[in-house]
Amino acid sequence: MTFLFALLLCWIISVFIQTIKSLFIPNIPLPPPSFPLLRVPYVPLRRIIDFMDPDALVSLSFCSQKSHSVIKTQRRTPFNGRLCVSEVYENNLSFRAFRNRDCVLVVRDFLFFHNSERINYVKMNGQDVPVQVHCSDGNLISYWHNTTDGLIEATNYVTNLFNIDVSEVRVFDAINVIEQMSRRQKKPLESVTALRIIASEEELIYILRDCQCSSQISIRSDAPSNFRFSNNFRRIDFLYILHGQWVTIDNLLTMDGIVISLGYSNLSDRDLNVFLKHWLAGGCPRLKYFKAGIHSVNILQVLAGLLDNAVFVQKSRNYTSPSGYTSILSDGYDIQRSDGVTATVHYHPPLTFVIAVWPEVSDNNN
């Protein structure tokens, strides 16, 4: 019985692939007009649909209203990873697992579509959208006159098809896209990455104070000159600020996170000393990993007034942060909080100051 099912599965998938290619690639003849996959009994059909990759399911969903309905109602198995909407390189929707992604649908500017190429259209949310098959990855590329609008429309289509929410956005137009995504779902976004080269003050304040994000915020944008954030930081599990020159010790003392990473920081030895004493007194209680890119650090000044509670550890130790990245800690100082929790304070010149709280807790979903 298993062998017969395997043969049936292989035949159905081969017919399906041939049909999809015939829709988007010239000179490939169509198979018979009745598509056999949709005649399979529901139990094996559900197993076949669960077995298929998300990009193949998106392509199949455009074949007919029935294929769309079957995928929407019959797919049950969770996807590997979380749905990410991204403006990096090519606008795309993908399922991202740790350090991997499976692209589902690409949104590209119509200016990149060559008139000499064959144009195929699919119906997406009532609109006729030109598409092509990606020459190497096999997923669909859709073409739009406004890629931001296209990304939102493609997101609406995919989330409706799979009955899922967007978990992550990686965008340049942060306020517009985040607001659109947040309005269309009840569940808050898990991760937000801002990519604009120089963010406006309004955009930075929105991301830090107002945007609905439950777990991770990454700001890769430069801040305007003289930017200051005067509010308290809200609870953010994973906070990454690539250009952290504007972050002050007052900002740092209001943070409540598991991982805090500041690039190009202007924090002084005294600032780091104040933060370390703050942690020892019970501040920032959830902290597991703090990293700051600082050009020069005098570790003895950072530990001023704390050396009686510091133990120098010369041997190298590996520390894996909750985000899954491993640091090598050598020549560090271990300090202990009153509740027995130990942290290693380490500086590796020229740009790596670390506070690593033991024990390690790794969460590779980020």
Protein backbone atom coordinates (compact mmCIF):
# COMPACT_ATOMS: atom_id res chain seq x y z
CA MET A 1 0.00 0.00 0.00
CA THR A 2 2.85 2.37 0.89
CA PHE A 3 4.59 1.57 -2.40
CA LEU A 4 1.43 2.29 -4.41
CA PHE A 5 0.97 5.58 -2.57
CA ALA A 6 4.58 6.53 -3.32
CA LEU A 7 4.09 5.80 -7.02
CA LEU A 8 0.89 7.86 -7.03
CA LEU A 9 2.65 10.69 -5.24
CA CYS A 10 5.56 10.74 -7.70
CA TRP A 11 3.20 10.73 -10.70
CA ILE A 12 1.02 13.51 -9.27
CA ILE A 13 4.00 15.70 -8.43
CA SER A 14 5.53 15.23 -11.89
CA VAL A 15 2.23 16.19 -13.55
CA PHE A 16 1.93 19.17 -11.23
CA ILE A 17 5.44 20.43 -12.02
CA GLN A 18 4.81 20.03 -15.75
CA THR A 19 1.59 22.00 -15.45
CA ILE A 20 3.20 24.85 -13.52
CA LYS A 21 6.03 25.08 -16.05
CA SER A 22 3.58 25.14 -18.92
CA LEU A 23 1.86 28.15 -17.39
CA PHE A 24 5.01 30.25 -17.18
CA ILE A 25 7.55 28.83 -19.66
CA PRO A 26 6.92 28.95 -23.45
CA ASN A 27 6.84 25.90 -25.73
CA ILE A 28 5.99 23.35 -23.04
CA PRO A 29 2.72 21.57 -23.91
CA LEU A 30 -0.10 21.47 -21.39
CA PRO A 31 -1.07 18.20 -19.75
CA PRO A 32 -4.72 17.14 -20.01
CA PRO A 33 -7.06 19.99 -19.02
CA SER A 34 -8.47 18.17 -15.98
CA PHE A 35 -5.83 18.45 -13.27
CA PRO A 36 -5.53 14.98 -11.61
CA LEU A 37 -4.26 16.27 -8.26
CA LEU A 38 -7.62 17.77 -7.37
CA ARG A 39 -9.39 14.43 -7.97
CA VAL A 40 -7.37 12.58 -5.36
CA PRO A 41 -9.35 11.62 -2.19
CA TYR A 42 -9.00 14.13 0.60
CA VAL A 43 -6.86 12.05 2.98
CA PRO A 44 -3.98 11.41 0.52
CA LEU A 45 -4.53 14.86 -1.02
CA ARG A 46 -3.96 16.46 2.38
CA ARG A 47 -0.75 14.47 2.82
CA ILE A 48 0.47 15.55 -0.63
CA ILE A 49 -0.29 19.22 0.07
CA ASP A 50 1.45 19.03 3.45
CA PHE A 51 4.46 17.52 1.67
CA MET A 52 4.78 20.36 -0.87
CA ASP A 53 6.99 23.43 -0.42
CA PRO A 54 5.27 26.79 0.20
CA ASP A 55 6.52 28.37 -3.06
CA ALA A 56 5.03 25.44 -5.04
CA LEU A 57 1.74 25.81 -3.17
CA VAL A 58 1.61 29.54 -3.98
CA SER A 59 2.16 28.76 -7.67
CA LEU A 60 -0.49 26.03 -7.61
CA SER A 61 -2.99 28.33 -5.89
CA PHE A 62 -3.07 30.59 -8.96
CA CYS A 63 -4.16 27.75 -11.27
CA SER A 64 -7.84 27.91 -10.32
CA GLN A 65 -10.25 28.91 -7.58
CA LYS A 66 -10.56 25.25 -6.64
CA SER A 67 -6.80 24.78 -6.23
CA HIS A 68 -6.72 27.91 -4.05
CA SER A 69 -9.61 26.61 -1.94
CA VAL A 70 -8.08 23.13 -1.56
CA ILE A 71 -4.74 24.53 -0.34
CA LYS A 72 -6.42 26.99 2.02
CA THR A 73 -8.67 24.36 3.63
CA GLN A 74 -6.55 21.18 3.51
CA ARG A 75 -3.03 22.21 4.53
CA ARG A 76 -2.38 21.40 8.20
CA THR A 77 1.36 20.88 8.77
CA PRO A 78 3.19 23.95 10.20
CA PHE A 79 5.85 25.51 7.99
CA ASN A 80 9.49 25.35 9.00
CA GLY A 81 10.23 28.88 10.14
CA ARG A 82 8.30 32.11 10.47
CA LEU A 83 6.89 34.26 7.68
CA CYS A 84 9.18 37.20 6.92
CA VAL A 85 8.32 40.19 4.73
CA SER A 86 11.54 41.74 3.50
CA GLU A 87 12.75 44.64 1.37
CA VAL A 88 16.36 43.39 1.45
CA TYR A 89 17.86 42.89 -2.03
CA GLU A 90 14.59 41.78 -3.64
CA ASN A 91 11.26 42.43 -1.96
CA ASN A 92 10.11 38.99 -0.92
CA LEU A 93 8.08 36.84 1.39
CA SER A 94 9.94 33.91 2.87
CA PHE A 95 9.82 31.42 5.69
CA ARG A 96 12.93 32.01 7.78
CA ALA A 97 14.40 29.42 10.09
CA PHE A 98 17.66 30.11 11.94
CA ARG A 99 20.12 31.50 9.33
CA ASN A 100 18.06 29.99 6.48
CA ARG A 101 15.15 31.13 4.39
CA ASP A 102 12.80 29.58 1.85
CA CYS A 103 11.52 32.26 -0.52
CA VAL A 104 7.80 32.00 -1.31
CA LEU A 105 7.09 34.98 -3.56
CA VAL A 106 9.17 37.88 -4.88
CA VAL A 107 7.95 41.43 -5.56
CA ARG A 108 9.97 43.31 -8.17
CA ASP A 109 9.70 46.72 -9.83
CA PHE A 110 7.99 46.56 -13.24
CA LEU A 111 10.93 48.50 -14.71
CA PHE A 112 12.98 45.30 -14.48
CA PHE A 113 10.56 43.41 -16.68
CA HIS A 114 11.88 43.09 -20.26
CA ASN A 115 9.31 43.70 -22.98
CA SER A 116 10.81 40.92 -25.06
CA GLU A 117 9.95 38.33 -22.41
CA ARG A 118 6.69 36.42 -22.29
CA ILE A 119 4.15 37.99 -19.93
CA ASN A 120 1.92 35.77 -17.83
CA TYR A 121 -0.70 37.08 -15.46
CA VAL A 122 -2.20 35.72 -12.28
CA LYS A 123 -5.19 36.99 -10.34
CA MET A 124 -4.07 38.29 -6.94
CA ASN A 125 -6.65 39.88 -4.67
CA GLY A 126 -8.72 40.80 -7.72
CA GLN A 127 -5.78 42.32 -9.63
CA ASP A 128 -4.12 40.96 -12.78
CA VAL A 129 -0.45 40.76 -11.84
CA PRO A 130 2.37 39.92 -14.30
CA VAL A 131 4.61 37.08 -13.10
CA GLN A 132 7.59 34.99 -14.11
CA VAL A 133 9.26 31.92 -12.65
CA HIS A 134 12.64 32.57 -11.00
CA CYS A 135 15.19 30.93 -13.28
CA SER A 136 17.11 29.19 -10.46
CA ASP A 137 14.93 29.12 -7.34
CA GLY A 138 11.64 28.23 -9.03
CA ASN A 139 9.44 30.61 -7.02
CA LEU A 140 7.25 33.21 -8.68
CA ILE A 141 8.38 36.80 -9.31
CA SER A 142 5.56 39.32 -9.43
CA TYR A 143 5.97 42.75 -11.03
CA TRP A 144 4.50 45.97 -9.65
CA HIS A 145 4.65 49.69 -10.45
CA ASN A 146 4.83 50.37 -6.69
CA THR A 147 6.83 47.68 -4.88
CA THR A 148 5.65 48.71 -1.40
CA ASP A 149 2.03 48.29 -2.48
CA GLY A 150 3.02 45.05 -4.20
CA LEU A 151 4.68 43.73 -1.05
CA ILE A 152 1.56 44.46 0.98
CA GLU A 153 -0.75 42.85 -1.63
CA ALA A 154 1.48 39.78 -1.90
CA THR A 155 1.53 39.52 1.90
CA ASN A 156 -2.25 39.69 2.06
CA TYR A 157 -2.50 36.93 -0.53
CA VAL A 158 0.00 34.54 1.10
CA THR A 159 -1.25 35.03 4.66
CA ASN A 160 -4.84 34.45 3.53
CA LEU A 161 -3.85 31.34 1.57
CA PHE A 162 -1.96 29.74 4.46
CA ASN A 163 -4.07 31.21 7.30
CA ILE A 164 -1.00 32.56 9.06
CA ASP A 165 0.29 35.86 10.41
CA VAL A 166 3.45 37.73 9.49
CA SER A 167 6.10 37.25 12.18
CA GLU A 168 8.96 39.40 10.89
CA VAL A 169 9.45 42.50 8.74
CA ARG A 170 12.76 43.80 7.35
CA VAL A 171 11.96 47.11 5.66
CA PHE A 172 13.14 50.55 4.60
CA ASP A 173 9.71 52.21 4.80
CA ALA A 174 9.29 51.17 8.42
CA ILE A 175 6.26 53.12 9.64
CA ASN A 176 4.11 52.48 6.56
CA VAL A 177 4.82 48.76 6.23
CA ILE A 178 4.75 47.96 9.96
CA GLU A 179 1.44 49.78 10.39
CA GLN A 180 -0.05 47.92 7.42
CA MET A 181 1.10 44.57 8.79
CA SER A 182 -0.08 45.31 12.32
CA ARG A 183 -3.56 46.38 11.18
CA ARG A 184 -4.15 43.18 9.23
CA GLN A 185 -3.53 40.76 12.10
CA LYS A 186 -4.34 40.43 15.78
CA LYS A 187 -1.03 38.83 16.72
CA PRO A 188 1.82 41.37 17.10
CA LEU A 189 4.93 41.11 14.97
CA GLU A 190 7.74 39.14 16.58
CA SER A 191 10.66 40.90 14.86
CA VAL A 192 11.20 44.26 13.18
CA THR A 193 14.33 45.36 11.29
CA ALA A 194 14.70 48.96 10.08
CA LEU A 195 16.99 49.28 7.07
CA ARG A 196 16.83 52.89 5.89
CA ILE A 197 20.35 54.36 5.54
CA ILE A 198 19.45 57.36 7.71
CA ALA A 199 16.21 57.06 9.65
CA SER A 200 14.15 60.11 10.52
CA GLU A 201 13.64 61.06 14.15
CA GLU A 202 9.95 60.22 13.78
CA GLU A 203 10.80 56.75 12.47
CA LEU A 204 13.24 55.94 15.28
CA ILE A 205 10.83 57.09 17.99
CA TYR A 206 8.05 55.03 16.38
CA ILE A 207 10.18 51.87 16.31
CA LEU A 208 11.48 52.27 19.87
CA ARG A 209 8.26 53.44 21.51
CA ASP A 210 5.17 52.74 19.44
CA CYS A 211 5.47 49.80 17.06
CA GLN A 212 3.78 46.57 18.15
CA CYS A 213 6.63 44.06 18.29
CA SER A 214 6.77 41.27 20.85
CA SER A 215 10.37 40.07 20.73
CA GLN A 216 13.12 41.60 18.56
CA ILE A 217 13.97 45.06 17.22
CA SER A 218 16.98 45.63 14.99
CA ILE A 219 17.84 49.17 13.87
CA ARG A 220 20.45 49.15 11.14
CA SER A 221 19.81 52.76 10.20
CA ASP A 222 21.97 55.70 11.15
CA ALA A 223 20.28 58.28 13.36
CA PRO A 224 20.03 61.97 12.48
CA SER A 225 22.76 64.11 14.02
CA ASN A 226 21.93 65.22 17.58
CA PHE A 227 19.17 62.61 17.89
CA ARG A 228 18.20 61.82 21.48
CA PHE A 229 15.62 59.40 22.82
CA SER A 230 14.19 60.85 26.02
CA ASN A 231 11.58 58.16 26.76
CA ASN A 232 12.14 55.02 28.76
CA PHE A 233 12.87 51.96 26.66
CA ARG A 234 10.00 49.48 26.70
CA ARG A 235 10.49 45.76 27.31
CA ILE A 236 12.30 44.35 24.25
CA ASP A 237 13.75 40.83 24.40
CA PHE A 238 16.37 41.30 21.67
CA LEU A 239 17.54 44.81 20.84
CA TYR A 240 20.18 45.42 18.17
CA ILE A 241 21.26 48.98 17.30
CA LEU A 242 23.96 48.98 14.63
CA HIS A 243 24.78 52.69 14.89
CA GLY A 244 24.52 53.24 18.64
CA GLN A 245 26.39 56.54 19.00
CA TRP A 246 23.21 58.21 20.29
CA VAL A 247 22.54 55.68 23.08
CA THR A 248 23.41 57.21 26.48
CA ILE A 249 23.86 55.66 29.91
CA ASP A 250 20.44 57.07 30.84
CA ASN A 251 18.94 55.10 27.92
CA LEU A 252 20.83 51.98 28.94
CA LEU A 253 19.58 52.11 32.53
CA THR A 254 15.94 51.98 31.33
CA MET A 255 16.41 48.94 29.07
CA ASP A 256 14.84 45.61 29.94
CA GLY A 257 16.12 42.99 27.52
CA ILE A 258 17.64 39.55 27.17
CA VAL A 259 20.14 40.56 24.48
CA ILE A 260 21.31 44.17 24.00
CA SER A 261 23.80 44.92 21.22
CA LEU A 262 25.12 48.42 20.46
CA GLY A 263 27.41 49.07 17.52
CA TYR A 264 29.71 52.12 17.33
CA SER A 265 28.94 53.05 20.92
CA ASN A 266 30.14 56.19 22.67
CA LEU A 267 29.67 54.78 26.17
CA SER A 268 32.59 55.59 28.48
CA ASP A 269 34.34 53.38 31.04
CA ARG A 270 32.38 55.23 33.73
CA ASP A 271 29.11 54.55 31.90
CA LEU A 272 29.90 50.84 31.72
CA ASN A 273 30.79 50.85 35.41
CA VAL A 274 27.45 52.47 36.26
CA PHE A 275 25.59 49.89 34.14
CA LEU A 276 27.49 47.01 35.73
CA LYS A 277 26.61 48.25 39.22
CA HIS A 278 23.00 48.66 38.03
CA TRP A 279 22.92 45.00 36.98
CA LEU A 280 24.54 43.85 40.24
CA ALA A 281 21.84 45.74 42.16
CA GLY A 282 19.11 43.85 40.27
CA GLY A 283 18.59 46.16 37.31
CA CYS A 284 17.96 44.76 33.84
CA PRO A 285 17.13 41.41 35.51
CA ARG A 286 16.47 39.46 32.30
CA LEU A 287 19.84 40.33 30.71
CA LYS A 288 21.81 37.39 29.32
CA TYR A 289 24.13 39.09 26.83
CA PHE A 290 25.27 42.69 26.44
CA LYS A 291 27.64 43.71 23.65
CA ALA A 292 28.94 47.16 22.74
CA GLY A 293 31.28 48.17 19.96
CA ILE A 294 33.64 50.56 21.77
CA HIS A 295 37.01 51.59 20.39
CA SER A 296 38.87 51.67 23.70
CA VAL A 297 38.00 50.22 27.13
CA ASN A 298 40.01 50.19 30.35
CA ILE A 299 38.58 47.10 32.02
CA LEU A 300 39.97 48.07 35.44
CA GLN A 301 38.11 51.39 35.32
CA VAL A 302 34.94 49.53 34.27
CA LEU A 303 35.39 47.35 37.38
CA ALA A 304 36.22 50.29 39.69
CA GLY A 305 34.81 49.57 43.15
CA LEU A 306 33.97 45.99 42.13
CA LEU A 307 37.36 44.27 42.11
CA ASP A 308 36.68 42.62 45.50
CA ASN A 309 33.81 40.80 43.78
CA ALA A 310 35.73 40.03 40.57
CA VAL A 311 37.59 36.83 39.72
CA PHE A 312 40.03 36.93 36.80
CA VAL A 313 39.63 33.93 34.47
CA GLN A 314 42.46 33.56 32.00
CA LYS A 315 41.30 30.47 30.11
CA SER A 316 39.15 30.83 27.02
CA ARG A 317 35.48 29.91 27.25
CA ASN A 318 32.80 29.68 24.59
CA TYR A 319 29.55 31.47 25.31
CA THR A 320 26.47 30.98 23.13
CA SER A 321 24.01 33.86 23.38
CA PRO A 322 20.22 33.36 23.36
CA SER A 323 20.24 34.43 19.70
CA GLY A 324 22.48 31.46 18.87
CA TYR A 325 25.81 33.17 18.23
CA THR A 326 28.97 32.01 19.98
CA SER A 327 31.62 34.32 21.47
CA ILE A 328 35.05 33.33 22.78
CA LEU A 329 35.62 34.88 26.21
CA SER A 330 39.27 35.01 27.28
CA ASP A 331 40.95 37.04 30.02
CA GLY A 332 37.56 37.92 31.47
CA TYR A 333 36.43 38.83 34.97
CA ASP A 334 33.61 36.91 36.65
CA ILE A 335 31.40 38.91 38.98
CA GLN A 336 28.54 37.56 41.06
CA ARG A 337 25.21 39.12 41.96
CA SER A 338 23.76 38.71 45.46
CA ASP A 339 21.37 36.02 44.18
CA GLY A 340 24.32 33.90 43.00
CA VAL A 341 24.04 34.70 39.28
CA THR A 342 27.47 35.11 37.63
CA ALA A 343 28.43 37.27 34.65
CA THR A 344 31.69 37.48 32.72
CA VAL A 345 32.95 40.96 31.84
CA HIS A 346 35.23 40.81 28.81
CA TYR A 347 36.86 43.25 26.40
CA HIS A 348 38.44 42.12 23.16
CA PRO A 349 40.08 45.09 21.41
CA PRO A 350 39.43 47.00 19.35
CA LEU A 351 35.61 46.90 19.33
CA THR A 352 34.06 44.20 21.51
CA PHE A 353 32.93 44.77 25.10
CA VAL A 354 30.78 41.95 26.46
CA ILE A 355 28.81 41.13 29.58
CA ALA A 356 27.77 37.47 29.39
CA VAL A 357 25.44 36.11 32.06
CA TRP A 358 25.69 32.42 32.96
CA PRO A 359 24.30 29.88 32.36
CA GLU A 360 23.97 30.07 28.58
CA VAL A 361 20.45 29.96 27.16
CA SER A 362 20.30 29.41 23.39
CA ASP A 363 17.19 30.13 21.31
CA ASN A 364 17.95 29.57 17.62
CA ASN A 365 14.59 30.87 16.41
CA ASN A 366 15.94 34.43 16.15
